[in-house]
């Protein structure tokens, strides 16, 4: 699984967040997507890694500008997972 963080310019409110989330869900096979106009970020959890071109294509008709795309491996932590110092 992958966590893709997208910096987006132009989100001003919760309706903007919903608009971006809907656009991502309609065009990409994602497990979860969450946007924040306060941080200007959208976080996507997916089985596959998406390139910046794929993200830009998914959001090109929304009116928002993609500034940066970062992907990293994502390990889902269970509900009862506790981090123990020194154990990773």
N, C-alpha and C. Protein backbone atom coordinates (compact mmCIF):
# COMPACT_ATOMS: atom_id res chain seq x y z
N UNK A 1 0.85 -1.17 0.00
CA UNK A 1 0.00 0.00 0.00
C UNK A 1 0.89 1.23 0.00
N UNK A 2 0.32 2.35 -0.49
CA UNK A 2 1.06 3.59 -0.58
C UNK A 2 0.26 4.74 0.00
N UNK A 3 0.99 5.69 0.56
CA UNK A 3 0.42 6.95 1.03
C UNK A 3 0.97 8.03 0.13
N UNK A 4 0.07 8.72 -0.58
CA UNK A 4 0.47 9.79 -1.47
C UNK A 4 -0.05 11.10 -0.89
N UNK A 5 0.85 12.03 -0.66
CA UNK A 5 0.49 13.34 -0.14
C UNK A 5 0.62 14.35 -1.27
N UNK A 6 -0.47 15.08 -1.52
CA UNK A 6 -0.52 16.02 -2.62
C UNK A 6 -0.72 17.42 -2.06
N UNK A 7 0.21 18.32 -2.34
CA UNK A 7 0.05 19.74 -1.99
C UNK A 7 -0.79 20.37 -3.07
N UNK A 8 -1.88 21.03 -2.66
CA UNK A 8 -2.83 21.61 -3.61
C UNK A 8 -3.07 23.07 -3.27
N UNK A 9 -3.01 23.92 -4.29
CA UNK A 9 -3.30 25.34 -4.12
C UNK A 9 -4.74 25.61 -4.55
N UNK A 10 -5.45 26.40 -3.75
CA UNK A 10 -6.79 26.83 -4.13
C UNK A 10 -7.92 26.30 -3.28
N UNK A 11 -7.66 25.33 -2.41
CA UNK A 11 -8.74 24.86 -1.53
C UNK A 11 -8.96 25.90 -0.43
N UNK A 12 -10.22 26.35 -0.31
CA UNK A 12 -10.53 27.42 0.64
C UNK A 12 -11.52 27.02 1.74
N UNK A 13 -12.21 25.88 1.56
CA UNK A 13 -13.26 25.51 2.51
C UNK A 13 -13.53 24.01 2.45
N UNK A 14 -14.47 23.56 3.26
CA UNK A 14 -14.79 22.13 3.28
C UNK A 14 -15.43 21.66 1.97
N UNK A 15 -16.12 22.54 1.27
CA UNK A 15 -16.68 22.17 -0.03
C UNK A 15 -15.56 21.92 -1.04
N UNK A 16 -14.49 22.68 -0.96
CA UNK A 16 -13.32 22.46 -1.81
C UNK A 16 -12.72 21.09 -1.53
N UNK A 17 -12.62 20.75 -0.24
CA UNK A 17 -12.09 19.44 0.15
C UNK A 17 -12.93 18.33 -0.47
N UNK A 18 -14.25 18.46 -0.37
CA UNK A 18 -15.16 17.45 -0.90
C UNK A 18 -15.02 17.34 -2.42
N UNK A 19 -14.86 18.47 -3.09
CA UNK A 19 -14.70 18.49 -4.54
C UNK A 19 -13.44 17.73 -4.96
N UNK A 20 -12.33 17.98 -4.27
CA UNK A 20 -11.08 17.28 -4.57
C UNK A 20 -11.22 15.79 -4.27
N UNK A 21 -11.79 15.46 -3.11
CA UNK A 21 -11.97 14.05 -2.74
C UNK A 21 -12.81 13.31 -3.78
N UNK A 22 -13.89 13.92 -4.22
CA UNK A 22 -14.77 13.30 -5.21
C UNK A 22 -14.03 13.07 -6.53
N UNK A 23 -13.25 14.07 -6.96
CA UNK A 23 -12.50 13.95 -8.22
C UNK A 23 -11.49 12.81 -8.14
N UNK A 24 -10.82 12.68 -7.01
CA UNK A 24 -9.84 11.60 -6.83
C UNK A 24 -10.55 10.25 -6.85
N UNK A 25 -11.64 10.13 -6.10
CA UNK A 25 -12.37 8.85 -6.03
C UNK A 25 -12.92 8.41 -7.39
N UNK A 26 -13.36 9.37 -8.19
CA UNK A 26 -13.95 9.05 -9.49
C UNK A 26 -12.91 8.57 -10.50
N UNK A 27 -11.67 9.05 -10.37
CA UNK A 27 -10.68 8.76 -11.41
C UNK A 27 -9.56 7.81 -10.98
N UNK A 28 -9.43 7.54 -9.68
CA UNK A 28 -8.34 6.69 -9.22
C UNK A 28 -8.85 5.61 -8.28
N UNK A 29 -8.27 4.41 -8.35
CA UNK A 29 -8.66 3.33 -7.44
C UNK A 29 -7.99 3.51 -6.07
N UNK A 30 -8.69 4.19 -5.17
CA UNK A 30 -8.11 4.51 -3.86
C UNK A 30 -8.84 3.76 -2.74
N UNK A 31 -8.14 3.53 -1.66
CA UNK A 31 -8.74 2.95 -0.45
C UNK A 31 -9.36 4.05 0.39
N UNK A 32 -8.67 5.20 0.45
CA UNK A 32 -9.13 6.32 1.27
C UNK A 32 -8.52 7.60 0.70
N UNK A 33 -9.26 8.70 0.85
CA UNK A 33 -8.74 10.01 0.46
C UNK A 33 -9.28 11.04 1.44
N UNK A 34 -8.42 11.94 1.87
CA UNK A 34 -8.83 12.97 2.81
C UNK A 34 -8.08 14.26 2.47
N UNK A 35 -8.83 15.35 2.36
CA UNK A 35 -8.25 16.64 2.03
C UNK A 35 -8.43 17.62 3.17
N UNK A 36 -7.51 18.58 3.25
CA UNK A 36 -7.60 19.64 4.25
C UNK A 36 -7.28 20.97 3.60
N UNK A 37 -8.26 21.88 3.62
CA UNK A 37 -7.98 23.20 3.07
C UNK A 37 -7.05 23.98 3.99
N UNK A 38 -7.03 23.65 5.27
CA UNK A 38 -6.16 24.34 6.23
C UNK A 38 -4.69 24.07 5.95
N UNK A 39 -4.37 22.82 5.61
CA UNK A 39 -2.97 22.48 5.33
C UNK A 39 -2.67 22.52 3.84
N UNK A 40 -3.71 22.58 3.01
CA UNK A 40 -3.52 22.57 1.57
C UNK A 40 -3.03 21.23 1.06
N UNK A 41 -3.46 20.16 1.73
CA UNK A 41 -3.00 18.82 1.36
C UNK A 41 -4.15 17.84 1.18
N UNK A 42 -3.91 16.89 0.30
CA UNK A 42 -4.78 15.74 0.13
C UNK A 42 -3.92 14.50 0.36
N UNK A 43 -4.41 13.59 1.18
CA UNK A 43 -3.69 12.35 1.47
C UNK A 43 -4.49 11.20 0.88
N UNK A 44 -3.82 10.40 0.05
CA UNK A 44 -4.46 9.29 -0.64
C UNK A 44 -3.81 7.99 -0.18
N UNK A 45 -4.62 7.03 0.23
CA UNK A 45 -4.15 5.69 0.56
C UNK A 45 -4.61 4.77 -0.56
N UNK A 46 -3.67 4.02 -1.15
CA UNK A 46 -4.00 3.18 -2.30
C UNK A 46 -3.11 1.95 -2.37
N UNK A 47 -3.56 0.98 -3.14
CA UNK A 47 -2.78 -0.24 -3.36
C UNK A 47 -1.58 0.03 -4.27
N UNK A 48 -1.76 0.95 -5.22
CA UNK A 48 -0.70 1.24 -6.17
C UNK A 48 -0.17 2.66 -5.98
N UNK A 49 1.07 2.87 -6.41
CA UNK A 49 1.68 4.18 -6.32
C UNK A 49 1.28 4.99 -7.55
N UNK A 50 0.89 6.25 -7.35
CA UNK A 50 0.48 7.11 -8.45
C UNK A 50 1.58 8.13 -8.75
N UNK A 51 1.84 8.34 -10.04
CA UNK A 51 2.82 9.35 -10.45
C UNK A 51 2.18 10.74 -10.37
N UNK A 52 3.02 11.76 -10.41
CA UNK A 52 2.53 13.14 -10.41
C UNK A 52 1.63 13.38 -11.62
N UNK A 53 1.96 12.77 -12.77
CA UNK A 53 1.15 12.94 -13.98
C UNK A 53 -0.26 12.38 -13.79
N UNK A 54 -0.36 11.24 -13.13
CA UNK A 54 -1.68 10.62 -12.88
C UNK A 54 -2.50 11.49 -11.94
N UNK A 55 -1.87 12.01 -10.89
CA UNK A 55 -2.56 12.90 -9.95
C UNK A 55 -3.01 14.17 -10.66
N UNK A 56 -2.12 14.77 -11.43
CA UNK A 56 -2.48 15.99 -12.17
C UNK A 56 -3.64 15.74 -13.10
N UNK A 57 -3.63 14.61 -13.77
CA UNK A 57 -4.72 14.27 -14.69
C UNK A 57 -6.05 14.12 -13.96
N UNK A 58 -6.02 13.51 -12.79
CA UNK A 58 -7.25 13.31 -12.01
C UNK A 58 -7.84 14.63 -11.54
N UNK A 59 -6.98 15.62 -11.30
CA UNK A 59 -7.45 16.89 -10.74
C UNK A 59 -7.48 18.04 -11.74
N UNK A 60 -7.15 17.78 -13.00
CA UNK A 60 -7.02 18.87 -13.97
C UNK A 60 -8.31 19.65 -14.20
N UNK A 61 -9.46 19.03 -14.07
CA UNK A 61 -10.74 19.72 -14.32
C UNK A 61 -11.36 20.34 -13.08
N UNK A 62 -10.65 20.30 -11.96
CA UNK A 62 -11.23 20.80 -10.71
C UNK A 62 -11.00 22.29 -10.49
N UNK A 63 -10.00 22.87 -11.15
CA UNK A 63 -9.69 24.28 -10.93
C UNK A 63 -8.64 24.50 -9.86
N UNK A 64 -8.16 23.42 -9.25
CA UNK A 64 -7.12 23.52 -8.23
C UNK A 64 -5.77 23.19 -8.87
N UNK A 65 -4.71 23.68 -8.27
CA UNK A 65 -3.37 23.49 -8.81
C UNK A 65 -2.57 22.53 -7.93
N UNK A 66 -2.06 21.47 -8.53
CA UNK A 66 -1.19 20.53 -7.82
C UNK A 66 0.20 21.14 -7.76
N UNK A 67 0.71 21.30 -6.54
CA UNK A 67 2.03 21.90 -6.34
C UNK A 67 3.13 20.86 -6.14
N UNK A 68 2.78 19.74 -5.50
CA UNK A 68 3.78 18.72 -5.17
C UNK A 68 3.08 17.40 -4.92
N UNK A 69 3.75 16.30 -5.29
CA UNK A 69 3.23 14.95 -5.05
C UNK A 69 4.35 14.13 -4.43
N UNK A 70 4.08 13.54 -3.25
CA UNK A 70 5.05 12.68 -2.57
C UNK A 70 4.39 11.35 -2.25
N UNK A 71 5.06 10.26 -2.58
CA UNK A 71 4.54 8.93 -2.26
C UNK A 71 5.52 8.19 -1.37
N UNK A 72 4.96 7.37 -0.49
CA UNK A 72 5.79 6.55 0.38
C UNK A 72 5.03 5.28 0.72
N UNK A 73 5.75 4.21 1.03
CA UNK A 73 5.06 2.98 1.45
C UNK A 73 4.21 3.27 2.68
N UNK A 74 3.08 2.58 2.78
CA UNK A 74 2.14 2.80 3.88
C UNK A 74 1.81 1.46 4.52
N UNK A 75 2.00 1.39 5.81
CA UNK A 75 1.62 0.20 6.58
C UNK A 75 0.46 0.57 7.47
N UNK A 76 -0.68 -0.01 7.19
CA UNK A 76 -1.87 0.26 7.99
C UNK A 76 -1.66 -0.27 9.40
N UNK A 77 -1.93 0.58 10.37
CA UNK A 77 -1.82 0.16 11.76
C UNK A 77 -3.20 -0.20 12.27
N UNK A 78 -3.28 -1.33 12.93
CA UNK A 78 -4.55 -1.79 13.47
C UNK A 78 -5.05 -0.90 14.59
N UNK A 79 -6.29 -1.07 14.94
CA UNK A 79 -6.94 -0.27 15.98
C UNK A 79 -6.23 -0.39 17.32
N UNK A 80 -5.71 -1.57 17.61
CA UNK A 80 -5.08 -1.80 18.91
C UNK A 80 -3.55 -1.70 18.86
N UNK A 81 -3.01 -1.21 17.74
CA UNK A 81 -1.57 -1.09 17.60
C UNK A 81 -1.04 -0.03 18.58
N UNK A 82 0.01 -0.41 19.29
CA UNK A 82 0.67 0.55 20.17
C UNK A 82 2.14 0.60 19.80
N UNK A 83 2.65 1.80 19.70
CA UNK A 83 4.07 1.97 19.39
C UNK A 83 4.85 1.77 20.68
N UNK A 84 5.83 0.90 20.61
CA UNK A 84 6.69 0.66 21.76
C UNK A 84 8.08 1.14 21.43
N UNK A 85 8.61 2.10 22.18
CA UNK A 85 9.93 2.64 21.89
C UNK A 85 10.96 1.51 21.79
N UNK A 86 11.81 1.62 20.79
CA UNK A 86 12.84 0.62 20.59
C UNK A 86 12.39 -0.61 19.85
N UNK A 87 11.11 -0.69 19.51
CA UNK A 87 10.59 -1.88 18.81
C UNK A 87 10.15 -1.55 17.38
N UNK A 88 10.31 -0.30 16.93
CA UNK A 88 9.97 0.05 15.55
C UNK A 88 8.59 0.38 15.26
